Amino acid sequence: MVALSPEREESFLVGAESAKRLGYDATGIDALPRSVVESFAGVGNPIALQPLRNGEIVLDLGSGAGLDSILAARRVAPEGRVIGIDFGVEMVEKARRNARAAGSANVEFRIGEIDDLSLDDASVDVVVSNGVFNLCLDKPKVLAEAFRVLRPGGRIQMADMLLEDGVTPEEVSQKGAWSA
């Protein structure tokens, strides 16, 4: 499991080097505690799609060990905050530890399902997600929940994988390389 033994992950790229290849600022990644980046398993850099601003409330769907949430928390501070949602108990516990280690007091992590959010309607400014949407069984329900919690004028910043027509079975078997 990526939360407990990230070094044993063989199905896809994880960690600091993967984050750097995906466009995360190398200096910023290197400045974080190792535990924050070691379990990173994203496929892109959704927080780079549009700047996050001080005071915004950000929701991270499938927040994992918390890298995107912690980086977002730094960008929306001091008045903004971030809520990370993940179904994995071990990941949420690790994310909470990581937030403390990184000194991110304006981020909270909750155990939950992203197709049934326990948030009020129109309560967040930005929804981010990194490599999680493709894993969702009921994609319309996840999107409906994301739009329900977004304030008018809010935005979704998502990085994910998309299988295109014409991809060979050999390329599918090497899917970890697609996001490198």
N, C-alpha and C. Protein backbone atom coordinates (compact mmCIF):
# COMPACT_ATOMS: atom_id res chain seq x y z
N MET A 1 0.84 -1.18 0.00
CA MET A 1 0.00 0.00 0.00
C MET A 1 0.88 1.24 0.00
N VAL A 2 0.51 2.21 -0.82
CA VAL A 2 1.31 3.42 -1.02
C VAL A 2 1.43 4.23 0.28
N ALA A 3 0.43 4.20 1.13
CA ALA A 3 0.49 4.97 2.37
C ALA A 3 1.54 4.43 3.32
N LEU A 4 1.59 3.10 3.44
CA LEU A 4 2.46 2.49 4.43
C LEU A 4 3.83 2.11 3.89
N SER A 5 3.91 1.72 2.63
CA SER A 5 5.19 1.29 2.04
C SER A 5 5.33 1.82 0.63
N PRO A 6 5.48 3.12 0.46
CA PRO A 6 5.55 3.68 -0.90
C PRO A 6 6.71 3.14 -1.71
N GLU A 7 7.78 2.76 -1.06
CA GLU A 7 8.96 2.24 -1.78
C GLU A 7 8.68 0.90 -2.44
N ARG A 8 7.61 0.24 -2.06
CA ARG A 8 7.29 -1.08 -2.62
C ARG A 8 6.31 -0.99 -3.79
N GLU A 9 5.85 0.21 -4.11
CA GLU A 9 4.91 0.38 -5.20
C GLU A 9 5.59 0.10 -6.54
N GLU A 10 4.98 -0.78 -7.34
CA GLU A 10 5.55 -1.14 -8.63
C GLU A 10 4.60 -0.88 -9.79
N SER A 11 3.33 -0.58 -9.52
CA SER A 11 2.35 -0.41 -10.58
C SER A 11 2.43 0.96 -11.25
N PHE A 12 2.85 1.97 -10.51
CA PHE A 12 2.91 3.31 -11.07
C PHE A 12 3.97 4.11 -10.33
N LEU A 13 4.34 5.23 -10.92
CA LEU A 13 5.37 6.07 -10.35
C LEU A 13 4.86 6.79 -9.11
N VAL A 14 5.70 6.87 -8.11
CA VAL A 14 5.35 7.58 -6.88
C VAL A 14 6.54 8.42 -6.43
N GLY A 15 6.26 9.35 -5.53
CA GLY A 15 7.33 10.07 -4.86
C GLY A 15 7.73 11.39 -5.49
N ALA A 16 8.80 11.93 -4.94
CA ALA A 16 9.29 13.26 -5.30
C ALA A 16 9.69 13.36 -6.77
N GLU A 17 10.40 12.38 -7.28
CA GLU A 17 10.84 12.45 -8.68
C GLU A 17 9.65 12.44 -9.63
N SER A 18 8.63 11.67 -9.31
CA SER A 18 7.43 11.67 -10.13
C SER A 18 6.77 13.05 -10.11
N ALA A 19 6.66 13.65 -8.94
CA ALA A 19 6.06 14.99 -8.82
C ALA A 19 6.84 16.01 -9.65
N LYS A 20 8.14 15.95 -9.59
CA LYS A 20 8.97 16.89 -10.36
C LYS A 20 8.76 16.70 -11.87
N ARG A 21 8.68 15.44 -12.32
CA ARG A 21 8.46 15.19 -13.74
C ARG A 21 7.10 15.68 -14.20
N LEU A 22 6.16 15.77 -13.27
CA LEU A 22 4.82 16.23 -13.61
C LEU A 22 4.67 17.74 -13.51
N GLY A 23 5.76 18.45 -13.28
CA GLY A 23 5.72 19.90 -13.30
C GLY A 23 5.65 20.60 -11.97
N TYR A 24 5.73 19.87 -10.88
CA TYR A 24 5.78 20.51 -9.57
C TYR A 24 7.15 21.19 -9.42
N ASP A 25 7.17 22.30 -8.73
CA ASP A 25 8.41 23.04 -8.50
C ASP A 25 9.39 22.18 -7.70
N ALA A 26 10.55 21.90 -8.30
CA ALA A 26 11.52 21.01 -7.67
C ALA A 26 12.00 21.54 -6.33
N THR A 27 12.24 22.84 -6.25
CA THR A 27 12.71 23.42 -4.99
C THR A 27 11.65 23.27 -3.91
N GLY A 28 10.39 23.51 -4.27
CA GLY A 28 9.30 23.36 -3.31
C GLY A 28 9.12 21.93 -2.84
N ILE A 29 9.25 20.99 -3.77
CA ILE A 29 9.12 19.57 -3.42
C ILE A 29 10.25 19.16 -2.49
N ASP A 30 11.48 19.57 -2.82
CA ASP A 30 12.64 19.21 -1.99
C ASP A 30 12.58 19.84 -0.60
N ALA A 31 11.87 20.94 -0.46
CA ALA A 31 11.79 21.62 0.84
C ALA A 31 10.77 20.98 1.78
N LEU A 32 9.92 20.12 1.26
CA LEU A 32 8.90 19.47 2.09
C LEU A 32 9.51 18.29 2.84
N PRO A 33 8.94 17.95 3.99
CA PRO A 33 9.37 16.73 4.67
C PRO A 33 9.21 15.53 3.74
N ARG A 34 10.12 14.59 3.81
CA ARG A 34 10.11 13.41 2.94
C ARG A 34 8.77 12.69 2.98
N SER A 35 8.17 12.59 4.14
CA SER A 35 6.91 11.85 4.28
C SER A 35 5.78 12.46 3.45
N VAL A 36 5.86 13.77 3.18
CA VAL A 36 4.81 14.43 2.41
C VAL A 36 4.82 13.99 0.96
N VAL A 37 6.01 13.76 0.41
CA VAL A 37 6.11 13.45 -1.02
C VAL A 37 6.31 11.97 -1.33
N GLU A 38 6.73 11.17 -0.37
CA GLU A 38 7.07 9.78 -0.66
C GLU A 38 5.89 8.95 -1.17
N SER A 39 4.66 9.28 -0.76
CA SER A 39 3.49 8.52 -1.18
C SER A 39 2.72 9.23 -2.30
N PHE A 40 3.27 10.29 -2.86
CA PHE A 40 2.60 11.00 -3.95
C PHE A 40 2.41 10.05 -5.12
N ALA A 41 1.17 9.95 -5.60
CA ALA A 41 0.87 9.04 -6.71
C ALA A 41 -0.01 9.72 -7.75
N GLY A 42 0.15 11.02 -7.92
CA GLY A 42 -0.65 11.76 -8.88
C GLY A 42 -0.22 11.52 -10.31
N VAL A 43 -1.03 12.03 -11.24
CA VAL A 43 -0.76 11.89 -12.67
C VAL A 43 -0.53 13.23 -13.35
N GLY A 44 -0.63 14.30 -12.61
CA GLY A 44 -0.46 15.64 -13.15
C GLY A 44 -0.31 16.63 -12.02
N ASN A 45 -0.48 17.91 -12.34
CA ASN A 45 -0.32 18.98 -11.36
C ASN A 45 -1.55 19.89 -11.40
N PRO A 46 -2.66 19.47 -10.81
CA PRO A 46 -3.90 20.24 -10.93
C PRO A 46 -3.85 21.61 -10.29
N ILE A 47 -3.05 21.81 -9.27
CA ILE A 47 -3.03 23.13 -8.63
C ILE A 47 -2.28 24.15 -9.47
N ALA A 48 -1.57 23.70 -10.50
CA ALA A 48 -0.88 24.62 -11.40
C ALA A 48 -1.77 25.07 -12.56
N LEU A 49 -2.95 24.50 -12.71
CA LEU A 49 -3.81 24.83 -13.84
C LEU A 49 -4.32 26.26 -13.79
N GLN A 50 -4.55 26.77 -12.61
CA GLN A 50 -4.96 28.16 -12.41
C GLN A 50 -4.53 28.53 -11.00
N PRO A 51 -4.02 29.74 -10.82
CA PRO A 51 -3.53 30.11 -9.49
C PRO A 51 -4.61 30.03 -8.41
N LEU A 52 -4.21 29.53 -7.26
CA LEU A 52 -5.07 29.56 -6.08
C LEU A 52 -4.78 30.86 -5.36
N ARG A 53 -5.80 31.45 -4.77
CA ARG A 53 -5.65 32.77 -4.16
C ARG A 53 -5.94 32.73 -2.66
N ASN A 54 -5.30 33.65 -1.96
CA ASN A 54 -5.53 33.81 -0.53
C ASN A 54 -7.03 33.90 -0.27
N GLY A 55 -7.48 33.18 0.72
CA GLY A 55 -8.88 33.23 1.13
C GLY A 55 -9.77 32.19 0.49
N GLU A 56 -9.30 31.52 -0.56
CA GLU A 56 -10.15 30.51 -1.19
C GLU A 56 -10.24 29.26 -0.33
N ILE A 57 -11.37 28.58 -0.47
CA ILE A 57 -11.57 27.28 0.16
C ILE A 57 -11.45 26.24 -0.93
N VAL A 58 -10.53 25.31 -0.73
CA VAL A 58 -10.21 24.29 -1.73
C VAL A 58 -10.61 22.92 -1.19
N LEU A 59 -11.22 22.12 -2.04
CA LEU A 59 -11.57 20.75 -1.72
C LEU A 59 -10.72 19.84 -2.60
N ASP A 60 -9.98 18.92 -1.99
CA ASP A 60 -9.13 17.98 -2.71
C ASP A 60 -9.78 16.61 -2.66
N LEU A 61 -10.30 16.16 -3.81
CA LEU A 61 -10.97 14.87 -3.91
C LEU A 61 -9.95 13.77 -4.11
N GLY A 62 -9.91 12.81 -3.19
CA GLY A 62 -8.93 11.74 -3.26
C GLY A 62 -7.56 12.25 -2.89
N SER A 63 -7.47 12.89 -1.75
CA SER A 63 -6.29 13.65 -1.34
C SER A 63 -5.07 12.81 -1.01
N GLY A 64 -5.23 11.51 -0.85
CA GLY A 64 -4.08 10.66 -0.58
C GLY A 64 -3.29 11.12 0.63
N ALA A 65 -1.97 11.11 0.50
CA ALA A 65 -1.09 11.50 1.61
C ALA A 65 -0.97 13.00 1.78
N GLY A 66 -1.63 13.77 0.91
CA GLY A 66 -1.79 15.20 1.17
C GLY A 66 -0.91 16.17 0.43
N LEU A 67 -0.11 15.76 -0.53
CA LEU A 67 0.79 16.70 -1.19
C LEU A 67 0.04 17.87 -1.82
N ASP A 68 -0.94 17.60 -2.66
CA ASP A 68 -1.67 18.70 -3.31
C ASP A 68 -2.40 19.57 -2.29
N SER A 69 -2.96 18.95 -1.26
CA SER A 69 -3.66 19.72 -0.22
C SER A 69 -2.71 20.64 0.52
N ILE A 70 -1.54 20.14 0.86
CA ILE A 70 -0.56 20.94 1.60
C ILE A 70 -0.05 22.09 0.75
N LEU A 71 0.24 21.82 -0.52
CA LEU A 71 0.68 22.89 -1.41
C LEU A 71 -0.42 23.92 -1.62
N ALA A 72 -1.66 23.45 -1.77
CA ALA A 72 -2.79 24.37 -1.92
C ALA A 72 -2.97 25.20 -0.66
N ALA A 73 -2.82 24.58 0.50
CA ALA A 73 -2.99 25.30 1.78
C ALA A 73 -2.00 26.46 1.88
N ARG A 74 -0.80 26.26 1.39
CA ARG A 74 0.20 27.33 1.42
C ARG A 74 -0.22 28.48 0.51
N ARG A 75 -0.85 28.17 -0.60
CA ARG A 75 -1.23 29.22 -1.56
C ARG A 75 -2.46 30.00 -1.13
N VAL A 76 -3.36 29.39 -0.39
CA VAL A 76 -4.58 30.11 0.02
C VAL A 76 -4.46 30.74 1.40
N ALA A 77 -3.34 30.50 2.07
CA ALA A 77 -3.10 31.07 3.41
C ALA A 77 -2.88 32.57 3.29
N PRO A 78 -3.14 33.32 4.33
CA PRO A 78 -3.51 32.86 5.66
C PRO A 78 -5.02 32.73 5.88
N GLU A 79 -5.83 33.28 4.98
CA GLU A 79 -7.27 33.30 5.23
C GLU A 79 -8.02 32.11 4.65
N GLY A 80 -7.43 31.41 3.69
CA GLY A 80 -8.10 30.28 3.06
C GLY A 80 -7.83 28.98 3.79
N ARG A 81 -8.52 27.94 3.31
CA ARG A 81 -8.30 26.63 3.91
C ARG A 81 -8.55 25.54 2.88
N VAL A 82 -8.10 24.34 3.21
CA VAL A 82 -8.21 23.19 2.31
C VAL A 82 -8.81 22.02 3.08
N ILE A 83 -9.69 21.31 2.40
CA ILE A 83 -10.30 20.09 2.94
C ILE A 83 -9.91 18.96 1.99
N GLY A 84 -9.25 17.95 2.51
CA GLY A 84 -8.89 16.78 1.73
C GLY A 84 -9.79 15.62 2.11
N ILE A 85 -10.32 14.93 1.11
CA ILE A 85 -11.20 13.79 1.33
C ILE A 85 -10.56 12.56 0.69
N ASP A 86 -10.47 11.48 1.45
CA ASP A 86 -9.96 10.21 0.92
C ASP A 86 -10.67 9.08 1.66
N PHE A 87 -10.88 7.97 0.97
CA PHE A 87 -11.55 6.83 1.61
C PHE A 87 -10.59 5.96 2.40
N GLY A 88 -9.29 6.10 2.18
CA GLY A 88 -8.31 5.26 2.83
C GLY A 88 -7.93 5.76 4.21
N VAL A 89 -8.24 4.99 5.22
CA VAL A 89 -7.94 5.38 6.60
C VAL A 89 -6.46 5.66 6.79
N GLU A 90 -5.60 4.76 6.26
CA GLU A 90 -4.16 4.93 6.43
C GLU A 90 -3.67 6.20 5.72
N MET A 91 -4.24 6.47 4.55
CA MET A 91 -3.84 7.68 3.82
C MET A 91 -4.25 8.93 4.59
N VAL A 92 -5.45 8.95 5.11
CA VAL A 92 -5.92 10.13 5.84
C VAL A 92 -5.06 10.33 7.09
N GLU A 93 -4.75 9.26 7.79
CA GLU A 93 -3.89 9.39 8.97
C GLU A 93 -2.52 9.91 8.59
N LYS A 94 -1.97 9.42 7.47
CA LYS A 94 -0.67 9.90 7.01
C LYS A 94 -0.76 11.36 6.59
N ALA A 95 -1.82 11.72 5.89
CA ALA A 95 -2.00 13.11 5.46
C ALA A 95 -2.07 14.06 6.66
N ARG A 96 -2.74 13.65 7.69
CA ARG A 96 -2.82 14.48 8.91
C ARG A 96 -1.43 14.66 9.52
N ARG A 97 -0.67 13.58 9.59
CA ARG A 97 0.71 13.69 10.09
C ARG A 97 1.55 14.59 9.19
N ASN A 98 1.37 14.43 7.89
CA ASN A 98 2.13 15.24 6.94
C ASN A 98 1.81 16.72 7.07
N ALA A 99 0.55 17.05 7.26
CA ALA A 99 0.17 18.45 7.42
C ALA A 99 0.83 19.04 8.67
N ARG A 100 0.85 18.28 9.75
CA ARG A 100 1.53 18.76 10.97
C ARG A 100 3.02 18.94 10.70
N ALA A 101 3.65 17.97 10.03
CA ALA A 101 5.09 18.04 9.75
C ALA A 101 5.43 19.22 8.85
N ALA A 102 4.52 19.56 7.93
CA ALA A 102 4.75 20.67 7.00
C ALA A 102 4.33 22.01 7.59
N GLY A 103 3.73 22.00 8.78
CA GLY A 103 3.28 23.24 9.41
C GLY A 103 2.06 23.84 8.75
N SER A 104 1.21 23.00 8.16
CA SER A 104 0.01 23.46 7.47
C SER A 104 -1.20 23.36 8.39
N ALA A 105 -1.48 24.45 9.08
CA ALA A 105 -2.59 24.45 10.04
C ALA A 105 -3.94 24.71 9.38
N ASN A 106 -3.94 25.15 8.13
CA ASN A 106 -5.20 25.50 7.46
C ASN A 106 -5.68 24.40 6.50
N VAL A 107 -5.30 23.17 6.80
CA VAL A 107 -5.76 22.03 6.02
C VAL A 107 -6.29 20.97 6.97
N GLU A 108 -7.38 20.34 6.56
CA GLU A 108 -7.93 19.23 7.34
C GLU A 108 -8.19 18.07 6.40
N PHE A 109 -8.05 16.87 6.92
CA PHE A 109 -8.27 15.67 6.12
C PHE A 109 -9.39 14.86 6.75
N ARG A 110 -10.30 14.41 5.88
CA ARG A 110 -11.45 13.64 6.32
C ARG A 110 -11.54 12.32 5.57
N ILE A 111 -12.01 11.31 6.27
CA ILE A 111 -12.30 10.03 5.64
C ILE A 111 -13.69 10.15 5.03
N GLY A 112 -13.81 9.78 3.77
CA GLY A 112 -15.11 9.86 3.13
C GLY A 112 -15.08 9.40 1.70
N GLU A 113 -16.25 9.37 1.10
CA GLU A 113 -16.43 8.98 -0.29
C GLU A 113 -16.67 10.25 -1.11
N ILE A 114 -16.00 10.36 -2.26
CA ILE A 114 -16.13 11.60 -3.04
C ILE A 114 -17.40 11.65 -3.87
N ASP A 115 -18.18 10.57 -3.86
CA ASP A 115 -19.48 10.62 -4.52
C ASP A 115 -20.61 10.91 -3.54
N ASP A 116 -20.25 11.19 -2.29
CA ASP A 116 -21.24 11.51 -1.25
C ASP A 116 -20.56 12.40 -0.21
N LEU A 117 -20.33 13.65 -0.59
CA LEU A 117 -19.56 14.58 0.25
C LEU A 117 -20.40 15.12 1.40
N SER A 118 -19.80 15.18 2.55
CA SER A 118 -20.49 15.74 3.72
C SER A 118 -20.12 17.22 3.86
N LEU A 119 -20.40 17.97 2.80
CA LEU A 119 -20.15 19.41 2.77
C LEU A 119 -21.43 20.11 2.34
N ASP A 120 -21.58 21.35 2.77
CA ASP A 120 -22.74 22.13 2.39
C ASP A 120 -22.69 22.50 0.91
N ASP A 121 -23.87 22.75 0.35
CA ASP A 121 -23.96 23.25 -1.01
C ASP A 121 -23.20 24.58 -1.10
N ALA A 122 -22.58 24.82 -2.25
CA ALA A 122 -21.91 26.10 -2.54
C ALA A 122 -20.97 26.54 -1.41
N SER A 123 -20.13 25.61 -0.95
CA SER A 123 -19.28 25.90 0.20
C SER A 123 -17.78 25.97 -0.12
N VAL A 124 -17.39 25.67 -1.37
CA VAL A 124 -15.97 25.72 -1.73
C VAL A 124 -15.78 26.51 -3.02
N ASP A 125 -14.58 27.08 -3.15
CA ASP A 125 -14.25 27.88 -4.33
C ASP A 125 -13.61 27.05 -5.44
N VAL A 126 -12.82 26.06 -5.04
CA VAL A 126 -12.05 25.27 -6.01
C VAL A 126 -12.10 23.81 -5.59
N VAL A 127 -12.35 22.93 -6.56
CA VAL A 127 -12.24 21.48 -6.35
C VAL A 127 -11.04 21.02 -7.16
N VAL A 128 -10.11 20.33 -6.50
CA VAL A 128 -8.97 19.74 -7.21
C VAL A 128 -9.02 18.23 -7.07
N SER A 129 -8.45 17.56 -8.04
CA SER A 129 -8.37 16.10 -8.00
C SER A 129 -7.20 15.68 -8.87
N ASN A 130 -6.48 14.66 -8.43
CA ASN A 130 -5.27 14.25 -9.12
C ASN A 130 -5.22 12.72 -9.26
N GLY A 131 -5.62 12.24 -10.43
CA GLY A 131 -5.51 10.80 -10.70
C GLY A 131 -6.54 9.95 -10.01
N VAL A 132 -7.67 10.53 -9.63
CA VAL A 132 -8.68 9.79 -8.87
C VAL A 132 -9.95 9.56 -9.68
N PHE A 133 -10.32 10.52 -10.51
CA PHE A 133 -11.59 10.44 -11.23
C PHE A 133 -11.68 9.17 -12.07
N ASN A 134 -10.59 8.77 -12.69
CA ASN A 134 -10.62 7.57 -13.54
C ASN A 134 -10.94 6.31 -12.74
N LEU A 135 -10.74 6.35 -11.44
CA LEU A 135 -10.99 5.19 -10.58
C LEU A 135 -12.42 5.13 -10.06
N CYS A 136 -13.17 6.20 -10.26
CA CYS A 136 -14.53 6.28 -9.73
C CYS A 136 -15.50 5.46 -10.58
N LEU A 137 -16.33 4.68 -9.91
CA LEU A 137 -17.31 3.86 -10.61
C LEU A 137 -18.46 4.69 -11.16
N ASP A 138 -18.92 5.68 -10.39
CA ASP A 138 -20.05 6.50 -10.80
C ASP A 138 -19.57 7.93 -11.03
N LYS A 139 -18.94 8.14 -12.19
CA LYS A 139 -18.36 9.44 -12.51
C LYS A 139 -19.39 10.57 -12.52
N PRO A 140 -20.59 10.36 -13.09
CA PRO A 140 -21.59 11.44 -13.04
C PRO A 140 -21.94 11.85 -11.60
N LYS A 141 -22.00 10.88 -10.70
CA LYS A 141 -22.34 11.20 -9.31
C LYS A 141 -21.21 12.00 -8.65
N VAL A 142 -19.96 11.65 -8.94
CA VAL A 142 -18.82 12.39 -8.39
C VAL A 142 -18.84 13.82 -8.90
N LEU A 143 -19.06 13.98 -10.21
CA LEU A 143 -19.11 15.34 -10.77
C LEU A 143 -20.29 16.13 -10.21
N ALA A 144 -21.43 15.47 -10.05
CA ALA A 144 -22.59 16.15 -9.48
C ALA A 144 -22.29 16.66 -8.07
N GLU A 145 -21.60 15.85 -7.28
CA GLU A 145 -21.22 16.27 -5.93
C GLU A 145 -20.23 17.44 -5.98
N ALA A 146 -19.27 17.36 -6.88
CA ALA A 146 -18.29 18.45 -7.01
C ALA A 146 -18.99 19.75 -7.37
N PHE A 147 -19.89 19.71 -8.33
CA PHE A 147 -20.61 20.92 -8.72
C PHE A 147 -21.57 21.39 -7.64
N ARG A 148 -22.12 20.47 -6.87
CA ARG A 148 -23.03 20.85 -5.78
C ARG A 148 -22.31 21.68 -4.73
N VAL A 149 -21.08 21.31 -4.39
CA VAL A 149 -20.37 22.01 -3.32
C VAL A 149 -19.65 23.27 -3.81
N LEU A 150 -19.51 23.42 -5.13
CA LEU A 150 -18.85 24.62 -5.66
C LEU A 150 -19.74 25.85 -5.53
N ARG A 151 -19.14 26.94 -5.16
CA ARG A 151 -19.84 28.23 -5.16
C ARG A 151 -20.03 28.70 -6.60
N PRO A 152 -20.99 29.57 -6.83
CA PRO A 152 -21.12 30.15 -8.18
C PRO A 152 -19.79 30.80 -8.58
N GLY A 153 -19.34 30.50 -9.78
CA GLY A 153 -18.06 31.01 -10.25
C GLY A 153 -16.87 30.17 -9.83
N GLY A 154 -17.11 29.10 -9.06
CA GLY A 154 -16.04 28.22 -8.64
C GLY A 154 -15.51 27.41 -9.81
N ARG A 155 -14.44 26.66 -9.55
CA ARG A 155 -13.83 25.91 -10.64
C ARG A 155 -13.33 24.54 -10.18
N ILE A 156 -13.21 23.65 -11.16
CA ILE A 156 -12.64 22.33 -10.94
C ILE A 156 -11.30 22.30 -11.67
N GLN A 157 -10.26 21.87 -10.96
CA GLN A 157 -8.93 21.74 -11.53
C GLN A 157 -8.53 20.27 -11.36
N MET A 158 -8.57 19.53 -12.46
CA MET A 158 -8.41 18.09 -12.38
C MET A 158 -7.28 17.62 -13.30
N ALA A 159 -6.48 16.69 -12.80
CA ALA A 159 -5.50 15.98 -13.62
C ALA A 159 -5.88 14.51 -13.55
N ASP A 160 -5.95 13.88 -14.69
CA ASP A 160 -6.31 12.47 -14.70
C ASP A 160 -5.83 11.81 -15.97
N MET A 161 -6.05 10.51 -16.05
CA MET A 161 -5.66 9.74 -17.22
C MET A 161 -6.89 9.53 -18.09
N LEU A 162 -6.64 9.47 -19.39
CA LEU A 162 -7.70 9.24 -20.35
C LEU A 162 -7.18 8.25 -21.38
N LEU A 163 -7.87 7.17 -21.55
CA LEU A 163 -7.50 6.18 -22.54
C LEU A 163 -8.12 6.57 -23.87
N GLU A 164 -7.29 6.80 -24.85
CA GLU A 164 -7.77 7.22 -26.16
C GLU A 164 -7.90 6.03 -27.10
N ASP A 165 -8.73 6.18 -28.12
CA ASP A 165 -8.84 5.15 -29.15
C ASP A 165 -7.48 4.94 -29.79
N GLY A 166 -7.22 3.72 -30.18
CA GLY A 166 -5.99 3.43 -30.88
C GLY A 166 -4.82 3.05 -29.99
N VAL A 167 -5.01 3.06 -28.69
CA VAL A 167 -3.94 2.66 -27.79
C VAL A 167 -3.86 1.14 -27.83
N THR A 168 -2.67 0.64 -28.04
CA THR A 168 -2.48 -0.81 -28.17
C THR A 168 -2.50 -1.49 -26.80
N PRO A 169 -2.76 -2.79 -26.76
CA PRO A 169 -2.69 -3.52 -25.48
C PRO A 169 -1.32 -3.40 -24.82
N GLU A 170 -0.27 -3.33 -25.62
CA GLU A 170 1.08 -3.17 -25.06
C GLU A 170 1.21 -1.82 -24.36
N GLU A 171 0.65 -0.77 -24.97
CA GLU A 171 0.70 0.56 -24.36
C GLU A 171 -0.13 0.60 -23.08
N VAL A 172 -1.26 -0.08 -23.09
CA VAL A 172 -2.09 -0.14 -21.88
C VAL A 172 -1.31 -0.80 -20.75
N SER A 173 -0.57 -1.86 -21.06
CA SER A 173 0.19 -2.56 -20.02
C SER A 173 1.30 -1.69 -19.45
N GLN A 174 1.69 -0.66 -20.16
CA GLN A 174 2.74 0.26 -19.71
C GLN A 174 2.16 1.59 -19.23
N LYS A 175 0.91 1.57 -18.75
CA LYS A 175 0.22 2.80 -18.42
C LYS A 175 0.94 3.67 -17.40
N GLY A 176 1.77 3.11 -16.56
CA GLY A 176 2.52 3.93 -15.62
C GLY A 176 3.41 4.94 -16.30
N ALA A 177 3.86 4.63 -17.52
CA ALA A 177 4.73 5.53 -18.26
C ALA A 177 3.95 6.69 -18.86
N TRP A 178 2.64 6.60 -19.00
CA TRP A 178 1.86 7.67 -19.61
C TRP A 178 1.94 8.96 -18.82
N SER A 179 2.05 8.86 -17.54
CA SER A 179 2.03 10.06 -16.71
C SER A 179 3.41 10.49 -16.28
N ALA A 180 4.44 9.91 -16.84
CA ALA A 180 5.82 10.26 -16.46
C ALA A 180 6.23 11.59 -17.06
